[in-house]
N, C-alpha and C. Protein backbone atom coordinates (compact mmCIF):
# COMPACT_ATOMS: atom_id res chain seq x y z
N MET A 1 -48.46 -61.65 71.58
CA MET A 1 -48.68 -60.95 70.25
C MET A 1 -47.97 -59.45 70.48
N ALA A 2 -47.03 -59.17 69.56
CA ALA A 2 -46.43 -57.93 69.47
C ALA A 2 -47.55 -56.83 69.24
N LYS A 3 -47.21 -55.53 69.49
CA LYS A 3 -48.02 -54.30 69.10
C LYS A 3 -47.25 -53.17 68.71
N ASN A 4 -47.77 -52.59 67.81
CA ASN A 4 -47.29 -51.28 67.41
C ASN A 4 -48.40 -50.20 67.05
N ILE A 5 -48.06 -49.03 66.94
CA ILE A 5 -49.08 -47.91 66.63
C ILE A 5 -48.46 -47.51 65.11
N GLU A 6 -49.51 -47.58 64.32
CA GLU A 6 -49.22 -47.20 62.80
C GLU A 6 -49.89 -46.26 62.31
N ILE A 7 -49.28 -45.52 61.33
CA ILE A 7 -49.97 -44.50 60.57
C ILE A 7 -49.44 -44.79 59.06
N LYS A 8 -50.30 -44.42 58.12
CA LYS A 8 -50.04 -44.41 56.67
C LYS A 8 -50.40 -43.20 56.18
N ALA A 9 -49.78 -42.55 55.13
CA ALA A 9 -50.25 -41.28 54.54
C ALA A 9 -49.66 -41.22 53.32
N ILE A 10 -50.46 -40.36 52.27
CA ILE A 10 -49.76 -40.11 51.04
C ILE A 10 -48.58 -39.16 51.32
N ILE A 11 -47.51 -39.28 50.50
CA ILE A 11 -46.34 -38.23 50.49
C ILE A 11 -46.84 -37.04 49.53
N ASP A 12 -46.70 -35.74 50.01
CA ASP A 12 -47.14 -34.67 49.32
C ASP A 12 -45.76 -34.08 48.95
N ASP A 13 -44.71 -33.96 49.66
CA ASP A 13 -43.45 -33.29 49.35
C ASP A 13 -42.29 -34.37 49.94
N ILE A 14 -41.77 -35.01 48.89
CA ILE A 14 -40.83 -35.91 49.43
C ILE A 14 -39.45 -35.53 49.71
N GLU A 15 -39.09 -34.46 48.98
CA GLU A 15 -37.78 -33.83 49.36
C GLU A 15 -37.70 -33.39 50.79
N ASN A 16 -38.86 -32.58 51.09
CA ASN A 16 -38.90 -32.06 52.62
C ASN A 16 -38.95 -33.33 53.66
N LEU A 17 -39.70 -34.19 53.21
CA LEU A 17 -39.85 -35.33 54.17
C LEU A 17 -38.46 -36.07 54.43
N TYR A 18 -37.87 -36.44 53.40
CA TYR A 18 -36.54 -37.01 53.46
C TYR A 18 -35.47 -36.17 54.26
N ARG A 19 -35.50 -34.75 53.87
CA ARG A 19 -34.64 -33.98 54.78
C ARG A 19 -34.90 -34.04 56.22
N LYS A 20 -36.23 -34.01 56.63
CA LYS A 20 -36.66 -34.17 57.98
C LYS A 20 -36.20 -35.42 58.65
N ILE A 21 -36.55 -36.55 57.92
CA ILE A 21 -36.34 -37.82 58.48
C ILE A 21 -34.76 -38.01 58.63
N LYS A 22 -33.92 -37.57 57.68
CA LYS A 22 -32.53 -37.90 57.84
C LYS A 22 -31.98 -36.90 59.10
N LYS A 23 -32.45 -35.86 59.14
CA LYS A 23 -32.14 -34.91 60.28
C LYS A 23 -32.09 -35.67 61.68
N ILE A 24 -33.12 -36.52 61.83
CA ILE A 24 -33.38 -37.10 63.38
C ILE A 24 -33.24 -38.65 63.17
N SER A 25 -33.04 -39.21 62.26
CA SER A 25 -33.06 -40.93 62.15
C SER A 25 -31.72 -41.13 62.80
N THR A 26 -31.85 -42.39 63.45
CA THR A 26 -30.59 -42.95 63.97
C THR A 26 -30.01 -44.02 63.19
N GLU A 27 -31.04 -44.59 62.31
CA GLU A 27 -30.20 -45.59 61.37
C GLU A 27 -31.07 -45.39 59.99
N GLY A 28 -30.45 -45.92 58.80
CA GLY A 28 -31.14 -46.04 57.62
C GLY A 28 -30.61 -44.93 56.61
N PRO A 29 -31.03 -45.04 55.37
CA PRO A 29 -32.18 -45.96 54.89
C PRO A 29 -31.59 -47.30 54.63
N GLU A 30 -32.38 -48.43 54.71
CA GLU A 30 -32.27 -49.79 54.26
C GLU A 30 -33.20 -49.93 53.26
N LEU A 31 -32.70 -50.28 52.14
CA LEU A 31 -33.54 -50.53 50.89
C LEU A 31 -34.22 -51.99 50.85
N LEU A 32 -35.47 -52.09 50.86
CA LEU A 32 -36.05 -53.47 50.69
C LEU A 32 -36.98 -53.60 49.50
N ILE A 33 -36.90 -54.58 48.85
CA ILE A 33 -38.00 -54.75 47.71
C ILE A 33 -38.79 -55.93 48.22
N GLN A 34 -40.07 -55.53 48.37
CA GLN A 34 -40.98 -56.36 49.03
C GLN A 34 -42.06 -57.01 48.12
N LYS A 35 -42.50 -58.25 48.26
CA LYS A 35 -43.65 -58.67 47.59
C LYS A 35 -44.49 -59.37 48.69
N ASP A 36 -45.59 -58.73 48.92
CA ASP A 36 -46.56 -59.32 49.99
C ASP A 36 -47.77 -60.10 49.07
N ILE A 37 -47.81 -61.43 49.41
CA ILE A 37 -48.95 -62.20 49.02
C ILE A 37 -49.89 -62.30 50.30
N PHE A 38 -50.96 -61.85 49.80
CA PHE A 38 -52.15 -61.91 51.01
C PHE A 38 -52.95 -63.00 50.65
N TYR A 39 -53.48 -63.72 51.58
CA TYR A 39 -54.32 -64.84 51.74
C TYR A 39 -55.55 -64.65 52.09
N LYS A 40 -56.67 -65.44 51.62
CA LYS A 40 -58.22 -65.22 52.26
C LYS A 40 -58.02 -65.93 53.61
N PHE A 41 -58.48 -65.20 54.46
CA PHE A 41 -58.22 -65.53 55.98
C PHE A 41 -59.46 -64.83 56.57
N PRO A 42 -60.33 -65.54 57.41
CA PRO A 42 -61.34 -64.92 57.90
C PRO A 42 -61.09 -63.94 59.30
N LEU A 43 -59.99 -64.18 59.65
CA LEU A 43 -59.73 -63.37 60.97
C LEU A 43 -58.56 -62.50 60.76
N GLY A 44 -58.38 -61.23 60.72
CA GLY A 44 -57.42 -60.29 60.56
C GLY A 44 -56.87 -60.56 59.12
N ARG A 45 -55.54 -60.27 59.04
CA ARG A 45 -54.78 -60.34 57.72
C ARG A 45 -53.65 -61.08 57.72
N LEU A 46 -53.49 -62.14 56.73
CA LEU A 46 -52.41 -63.12 56.79
C LEU A 46 -51.61 -62.82 55.40
N LYS A 47 -50.26 -62.69 55.45
CA LYS A 47 -49.52 -62.56 54.42
C LYS A 47 -48.10 -63.14 54.47
N LEU A 48 -47.60 -63.72 53.19
CA LEU A 48 -46.18 -63.94 53.00
C LEU A 48 -45.39 -62.90 52.35
N ARG A 49 -44.52 -62.42 53.11
CA ARG A 49 -43.66 -61.42 52.59
C ARG A 49 -42.23 -61.87 52.21
N GLN A 50 -41.94 -61.65 50.88
CA GLN A 50 -40.66 -62.09 50.19
C GLN A 50 -39.79 -60.66 50.27
N ILE A 51 -38.53 -60.62 50.78
CA ILE A 51 -37.80 -59.24 50.98
C ILE A 51 -36.48 -59.69 50.09
N ASN A 52 -36.22 -58.68 49.29
CA ASN A 52 -34.97 -58.82 48.43
C ASN A 52 -34.66 -60.17 47.79
N ASP A 53 -35.65 -60.99 47.54
CA ASP A 53 -35.42 -62.34 47.01
C ASP A 53 -34.37 -63.18 47.84
N SER A 54 -34.30 -62.70 49.12
CA SER A 54 -33.21 -63.51 50.00
C SER A 54 -34.04 -64.05 51.27
N SER A 55 -35.07 -63.49 51.69
CA SER A 55 -35.64 -63.85 52.97
C SER A 55 -37.26 -63.68 53.00
N SER A 56 -37.70 -64.52 53.79
CA SER A 56 -39.21 -64.49 53.78
C SER A 56 -39.73 -64.62 55.06
N GLU A 57 -41.01 -64.05 55.39
CA GLU A 57 -41.64 -64.21 56.67
C GLU A 57 -43.16 -64.36 56.42
N VAL A 58 -43.88 -65.04 57.42
CA VAL A 58 -45.37 -64.76 57.40
C VAL A 58 -45.69 -63.99 58.46
N ILE A 59 -46.61 -63.14 58.14
CA ILE A 59 -47.07 -62.12 59.09
C ILE A 59 -48.69 -62.26 59.35
N TYR A 60 -49.12 -62.31 60.40
CA TYR A 60 -50.52 -62.41 60.71
C TYR A 60 -50.70 -60.88 61.54
N TYR A 61 -51.65 -60.27 61.18
CA TYR A 61 -51.97 -59.12 61.98
C TYR A 61 -53.39 -58.65 62.01
N ILE A 62 -53.83 -57.89 63.06
CA ILE A 62 -55.17 -57.51 63.34
C ILE A 62 -54.98 -55.97 63.60
N ARG A 63 -55.56 -55.20 62.51
CA ARG A 63 -55.60 -53.67 62.80
C ARG A 63 -56.84 -53.16 62.12
N PRO A 64 -57.32 -52.04 62.92
CA PRO A 64 -58.63 -51.47 62.38
C PRO A 64 -58.37 -50.64 61.07
N ASN A 65 -59.39 -50.30 60.17
CA ASN A 65 -59.24 -49.31 59.14
C ASN A 65 -59.72 -47.99 59.66
N ILE A 66 -58.78 -47.23 60.26
CA ILE A 66 -59.14 -45.94 60.56
C ILE A 66 -58.14 -44.95 60.15
N GLY A 67 -58.27 -43.66 59.98
CA GLY A 67 -57.40 -42.70 59.55
C GLY A 67 -56.50 -42.35 60.94
N GLY A 68 -55.19 -42.08 60.76
CA GLY A 68 -54.55 -41.67 61.77
C GLY A 68 -54.06 -42.79 62.63
N PRO A 69 -53.35 -42.53 63.70
CA PRO A 69 -52.63 -43.48 64.53
C PRO A 69 -53.58 -44.81 64.96
N LYS A 70 -53.25 -45.91 64.69
CA LYS A 70 -53.97 -46.96 65.09
C LYS A 70 -53.18 -47.97 65.87
N THR A 71 -53.77 -49.00 66.59
CA THR A 71 -53.02 -49.99 67.22
C THR A 71 -52.99 -51.19 66.20
N SER A 72 -51.88 -51.86 65.99
CA SER A 72 -51.75 -53.21 65.26
C SER A 72 -51.17 -54.17 66.19
N LYS A 73 -51.98 -55.30 66.23
CA LYS A 73 -51.29 -56.54 66.69
C LYS A 73 -50.90 -57.57 65.75
N TYR A 74 -49.66 -58.07 65.96
CA TYR A 74 -49.14 -59.01 65.05
C TYR A 74 -48.43 -60.04 65.58
N TYR A 75 -48.07 -61.08 64.68
CA TYR A 75 -47.17 -62.17 65.00
C TYR A 75 -46.22 -62.14 63.44
N ARG A 76 -45.09 -62.42 63.60
CA ARG A 76 -44.07 -62.69 62.51
C ARG A 76 -43.33 -63.84 62.67
N LEU A 77 -43.34 -64.69 61.62
CA LEU A 77 -42.50 -65.86 61.63
C LEU A 77 -41.56 -65.95 60.44
N LYS A 78 -40.31 -65.77 60.81
CA LYS A 78 -39.29 -65.93 59.61
C LYS A 78 -39.29 -67.28 59.01
N LEU A 79 -39.20 -67.49 57.76
CA LEU A 79 -39.27 -68.75 57.16
C LEU A 79 -37.81 -69.46 56.62
N SER A 80 -37.76 -70.73 56.62
CA SER A 80 -36.57 -71.28 56.04
C SER A 80 -36.90 -71.94 54.73
N ASN A 81 -38.14 -72.19 54.57
CA ASN A 81 -38.52 -72.78 53.30
C ASN A 81 -39.96 -72.18 52.65
N PRO A 82 -39.72 -70.85 52.20
CA PRO A 82 -40.90 -70.03 51.87
C PRO A 82 -41.73 -70.71 50.71
N LYS A 83 -41.02 -71.33 49.71
CA LYS A 83 -41.74 -71.88 48.69
C LYS A 83 -42.79 -72.86 48.99
N LYS A 84 -42.23 -73.68 49.86
CA LYS A 84 -43.32 -74.80 50.33
C LYS A 84 -44.48 -74.05 51.09
N ILE A 85 -44.10 -73.19 51.88
CA ILE A 85 -45.21 -72.54 52.78
C ILE A 85 -46.18 -71.70 51.89
N GLU A 86 -45.59 -71.11 50.73
CA GLU A 86 -46.40 -70.49 49.81
C GLU A 86 -47.45 -71.33 49.16
N LYS A 87 -46.96 -72.59 48.77
CA LYS A 87 -47.81 -73.63 48.13
C LYS A 87 -49.02 -74.03 49.05
N ILE A 88 -48.58 -74.18 50.40
CA ILE A 88 -49.57 -74.71 51.30
C ILE A 88 -50.66 -73.79 51.50
N LEU A 89 -50.18 -72.33 51.85
CA LEU A 89 -51.14 -71.46 52.05
C LEU A 89 -52.00 -71.13 50.85
N LYS A 90 -51.39 -71.16 49.62
CA LYS A 90 -52.32 -70.84 48.46
C LYS A 90 -53.23 -72.11 48.22
N PHE A 91 -52.91 -73.20 48.57
CA PHE A 91 -53.81 -74.58 48.45
C PHE A 91 -54.92 -74.30 49.45
N LEU A 92 -54.49 -74.03 50.72
CA LEU A 92 -55.51 -74.13 51.82
C LEU A 92 -56.43 -72.86 51.87
N LEU A 93 -55.89 -71.68 51.58
CA LEU A 93 -56.76 -70.37 51.58
C LEU A 93 -56.86 -69.97 50.54
N GLY A 94 -56.10 -69.87 49.33
CA GLY A 94 -56.31 -69.20 48.22
C GLY A 94 -55.74 -67.81 48.37
N ILE A 95 -55.29 -67.22 47.26
CA ILE A 95 -54.52 -65.81 47.18
C ILE A 95 -55.70 -64.56 47.11
N LYS A 96 -55.53 -63.84 48.07
CA LYS A 96 -56.61 -62.55 47.99
C LYS A 96 -55.91 -61.58 47.10
N GLY A 97 -54.63 -61.33 46.95
CA GLY A 97 -53.96 -60.27 46.24
C GLY A 97 -52.57 -60.20 46.61
N VAL A 98 -51.85 -59.49 45.74
CA VAL A 98 -50.34 -59.32 45.79
C VAL A 98 -49.98 -57.70 45.72
N VAL A 99 -49.13 -57.29 46.69
CA VAL A 99 -48.62 -56.08 46.72
C VAL A 99 -47.13 -56.11 46.56
N GLU A 100 -46.70 -55.23 45.50
CA GLU A 100 -45.25 -55.18 45.34
C GLU A 100 -44.79 -53.76 45.64
N LYS A 101 -43.72 -53.64 46.40
CA LYS A 101 -43.25 -52.13 46.75
C LYS A 101 -41.74 -52.16 46.84
N ARG A 102 -41.35 -51.05 46.79
CA ARG A 102 -39.82 -50.57 47.20
C ARG A 102 -39.85 -49.77 48.44
N ARG A 103 -39.26 -50.27 49.46
CA ARG A 103 -39.30 -49.72 50.86
C ARG A 103 -37.97 -49.16 51.25
N GLU A 104 -37.76 -47.96 51.71
CA GLU A 104 -36.70 -47.55 52.46
C GLU A 104 -37.23 -47.27 53.82
N VAL A 105 -36.30 -48.07 54.83
CA VAL A 105 -36.64 -48.06 56.21
C VAL A 105 -35.39 -47.10 56.93
N PHE A 106 -36.09 -46.37 57.82
CA PHE A 106 -35.35 -45.47 58.67
C PHE A 106 -35.87 -45.84 60.10
N PHE A 107 -34.99 -45.62 61.02
CA PHE A 107 -35.34 -45.67 62.43
C PHE A 107 -35.16 -44.36 63.22
N ILE A 108 -36.30 -44.13 63.79
CA ILE A 108 -36.20 -42.87 64.70
C ILE A 108 -36.59 -43.39 66.08
N GLY A 109 -35.64 -43.60 66.91
CA GLY A 109 -35.98 -44.20 68.28
C GLY A 109 -36.42 -45.44 67.98
N GLN A 110 -37.65 -45.74 68.63
CA GLN A 110 -38.31 -47.24 68.46
C GLN A 110 -39.33 -47.24 67.28
N THR A 111 -39.24 -46.09 66.51
CA THR A 111 -40.19 -45.89 65.27
C THR A 111 -39.61 -46.38 64.02
N ARG A 112 -40.00 -47.33 63.28
CA ARG A 112 -39.77 -47.73 62.06
C ARG A 112 -40.32 -46.59 61.10
N VAL A 113 -39.67 -45.99 60.08
CA VAL A 113 -40.20 -45.08 59.12
C VAL A 113 -40.09 -45.77 57.89
N HIS A 114 -40.91 -45.94 57.17
CA HIS A 114 -41.18 -46.46 55.78
C HIS A 114 -41.42 -45.64 54.74
N ILE A 115 -40.53 -45.34 53.79
CA ILE A 115 -40.85 -44.67 52.60
C ILE A 115 -41.24 -45.55 51.55
N ASP A 116 -42.45 -45.88 51.23
CA ASP A 116 -42.83 -46.71 50.28
C ASP A 116 -43.33 -46.34 48.88
N SER A 117 -42.80 -46.96 47.72
CA SER A 117 -43.22 -46.71 46.38
C SER A 117 -43.95 -48.00 46.10
N VAL A 118 -45.31 -48.04 46.08
CA VAL A 118 -45.97 -49.09 45.82
C VAL A 118 -46.43 -49.23 44.33
N ASP A 119 -46.23 -50.41 43.64
CA ASP A 119 -46.52 -50.52 42.21
C ASP A 119 -48.08 -50.10 41.98
N SER A 120 -48.29 -49.24 41.05
CA SER A 120 -49.71 -48.98 40.60
C SER A 120 -50.45 -48.03 41.64
N LEU A 121 -49.66 -47.78 42.70
CA LEU A 121 -50.52 -46.80 43.67
C LEU A 121 -49.66 -45.39 43.95
N GLY A 122 -48.31 -45.38 44.03
CA GLY A 122 -47.58 -44.20 44.38
C GLY A 122 -46.85 -44.37 45.42
N GLU A 123 -46.55 -42.92 46.20
CA GLU A 123 -45.42 -43.11 47.27
C GLU A 123 -46.31 -42.76 48.43
N PHE A 124 -45.76 -43.46 49.59
CA PHE A 124 -46.58 -43.25 50.88
C PHE A 124 -45.36 -43.39 52.05
N ILE A 125 -45.84 -42.83 53.25
CA ILE A 125 -45.11 -42.94 54.28
C ILE A 125 -45.86 -43.74 55.36
N GLU A 126 -45.08 -44.64 56.00
CA GLU A 126 -45.51 -45.37 57.12
C GLU A 126 -44.92 -45.23 58.43
N LEU A 127 -45.40 -44.82 59.67
CA LEU A 127 -44.75 -45.00 60.81
C LEU A 127 -45.27 -46.12 61.49
N GLU A 128 -44.24 -46.87 62.07
CA GLU A 128 -44.70 -47.84 63.02
C GLU A 128 -43.89 -47.83 64.35
N VAL A 129 -44.47 -47.26 65.45
CA VAL A 129 -44.07 -47.06 66.75
C VAL A 129 -44.11 -48.49 67.36
N VAL A 130 -42.90 -49.20 67.43
CA VAL A 130 -42.91 -50.56 68.17
C VAL A 130 -43.05 -50.45 69.62
N LEU A 131 -44.10 -50.92 70.12
CA LEU A 131 -44.27 -50.83 71.68
C LEU A 131 -43.52 -51.99 72.18
N GLN A 132 -42.79 -51.62 73.40
CA GLN A 132 -42.13 -52.82 74.15
C GLN A 132 -43.08 -53.23 75.16
N ALA A 133 -42.72 -54.33 75.90
CA ALA A 133 -43.70 -54.86 76.67
C ALA A 133 -44.23 -53.96 77.80
N ASN A 134 -43.58 -53.03 78.33
CA ASN A 134 -43.80 -52.27 79.28
C ASN A 134 -44.54 -50.79 78.83
N ASP A 135 -44.53 -50.71 77.54
CA ASP A 135 -45.04 -49.32 76.83
C ASP A 135 -46.62 -49.29 76.77
N SER A 136 -47.21 -48.31 77.21
CA SER A 136 -48.71 -48.31 76.97
C SER A 136 -49.03 -47.95 75.49
N VAL A 137 -50.30 -48.30 75.28
CA VAL A 137 -50.76 -47.82 73.82
C VAL A 137 -50.84 -46.18 73.78
N SER A 138 -51.16 -45.48 74.95
CA SER A 138 -51.30 -44.13 74.91
C SER A 138 -49.72 -43.44 74.71
N TYR A 139 -48.78 -44.30 75.35
CA TYR A 139 -47.54 -43.79 75.14
C TYR A 139 -47.12 -43.91 73.55
N GLY A 140 -47.52 -44.91 72.87
CA GLY A 140 -47.27 -45.13 71.57
C GLY A 140 -47.77 -44.10 70.65
N LEU A 141 -49.11 -43.86 70.98
CA LEU A 141 -49.98 -42.77 70.32
C LEU A 141 -49.31 -41.45 70.23
N ASP A 142 -48.65 -41.17 71.53
CA ASP A 142 -48.03 -39.75 71.84
C ASP A 142 -46.88 -39.74 70.81
N VAL A 143 -46.07 -40.86 71.00
CA VAL A 143 -44.83 -40.74 70.11
C VAL A 143 -45.35 -40.62 68.63
N ALA A 144 -46.16 -41.40 68.12
CA ALA A 144 -46.80 -41.10 66.74
C ALA A 144 -47.24 -39.78 66.36
N LYS A 145 -48.07 -39.21 67.28
CA LYS A 145 -48.59 -37.87 67.13
C LYS A 145 -47.36 -36.82 67.07
N LYS A 146 -46.39 -36.99 67.74
CA LYS A 146 -45.17 -35.94 67.90
C LYS A 146 -44.64 -36.13 66.31
N LEU A 147 -44.34 -37.41 65.81
CA LEU A 147 -43.64 -37.52 64.71
C LEU A 147 -44.64 -37.06 63.62
N ILE A 148 -45.78 -37.26 63.70
CA ILE A 148 -46.85 -36.77 62.61
C ILE A 148 -46.57 -35.19 62.49
N ALA A 149 -46.56 -34.53 63.58
CA ALA A 149 -46.35 -32.94 63.78
C ALA A 149 -45.11 -32.74 63.14
N TYR A 150 -44.05 -33.32 63.66
CA TYR A 150 -42.50 -33.02 63.17
C TYR A 150 -42.60 -33.19 61.65
N LEU A 151 -43.03 -34.09 61.14
CA LEU A 151 -42.79 -34.46 59.68
C LEU A 151 -43.90 -33.72 58.87
N ASP A 152 -44.81 -33.01 59.43
CA ASP A 152 -45.90 -32.14 58.74
C ASP A 152 -46.73 -33.09 57.88
N ILE A 153 -47.21 -34.34 58.46
CA ILE A 153 -48.02 -34.96 57.67
C ILE A 153 -49.40 -34.67 58.02
N LYS A 154 -50.03 -34.21 56.92
CA LYS A 154 -51.51 -33.39 57.20
C LYS A 154 -52.45 -34.52 57.16
N LYS A 155 -53.51 -34.18 58.03
CA LYS A 155 -54.56 -35.13 58.35
C LYS A 155 -55.37 -35.48 57.10
N ASN A 156 -55.43 -34.69 56.17
CA ASN A 156 -56.25 -35.05 55.01
C ASN A 156 -55.49 -36.09 54.02
N LEU A 157 -54.28 -36.34 54.33
CA LEU A 157 -53.49 -37.34 53.59
C LEU A 157 -53.31 -38.71 54.29
N LEU A 158 -53.91 -38.63 55.58
CA LEU A 158 -53.83 -40.05 56.37
C LEU A 158 -54.69 -41.01 55.55
N ILE A 159 -54.13 -42.24 55.39
CA ILE A 159 -54.92 -43.36 54.90
C ILE A 159 -55.42 -44.34 55.99
N GLU A 160 -56.45 -44.82 55.75
CA GLU A 160 -57.04 -45.92 56.64
C GLU A 160 -56.95 -47.31 56.09
N LYS A 161 -56.83 -47.58 54.78
CA LYS A 161 -56.93 -48.76 54.26
C LYS A 161 -55.53 -49.42 54.17
N SER A 162 -55.43 -50.62 53.88
CA SER A 162 -54.17 -51.27 53.52
C SER A 162 -53.91 -50.92 51.95
N TYR A 163 -52.56 -51.18 51.67
CA TYR A 163 -52.40 -51.10 50.23
C TYR A 163 -53.14 -52.13 49.44
N LEU A 164 -53.29 -53.34 49.79
CA LEU A 164 -54.25 -54.29 48.93
C LEU A 164 -55.43 -53.76 48.85
N GLU A 165 -56.14 -53.24 49.86
CA GLU A 165 -57.31 -52.62 49.81
C GLU A 165 -57.60 -51.44 48.86
N MET A 166 -56.40 -50.65 48.70
CA MET A 166 -56.42 -49.53 47.97
C MET A 166 -56.20 -50.10 46.54
N LEU A 167 -55.52 -51.12 46.20
CA LEU A 167 -55.45 -51.64 44.84
C LEU A 167 -56.73 -52.28 44.36
N ARG A 168 -57.55 -52.79 45.34
CA ARG A 168 -58.64 -53.43 44.79
C ARG A 168 -59.79 -52.49 44.73
N THR A 169 -59.86 -51.38 44.96
CA THR A 169 -60.94 -50.45 44.74
C THR A 169 -60.60 -49.59 43.53
C-alpha cells in the first residue's frame, strides 16, 4: 500500500499562491478535469476517477479526517474498461456521491501540488507528499510543514474533510 502525507486548505489569495508555486515547481501545471464517483464502502474510501474523458482509475484509500498534515494509505488501479467497472461497483455497492473538479497539478520535488476548483465548493489547494519506500512518515510531515510555511497556508484555512463530505454537509 502506497503512502503520502496530505493537506487540504481553502485558497485565500490565488495570485500569490500561483506566484510562489511557479517559482519553485519543477513541473506543471498539467490541467485535469476529474469526476470522482464515490461508492458506499464500509472500510476507507473507494472511488472511480475519470480524468479528461480519456483515462480512469479506481482508488481505495484510508485517511483520517484531521486538519493539517495527515497520512493517507492508498491503492490505485488504472482501468482499461471503466464503464464496465462503474456498472459493477454501482450494482454491488451503490453510489455515495460524485465530485467534479478542475485540477491543476504542479510538482515540487516529491510533492504533488493541486489547485482545485470544485463544483459547488470553490477553490482549494492540496499537497500530497508522496513517500518512497524508505521515507518515514516524520520525513513526509516535515516536507509538508515546510511547504505550508513557504506557501503561507494559514492554519484556520486547513480542511479536515473530503470534498464529498463538504458537499454533503
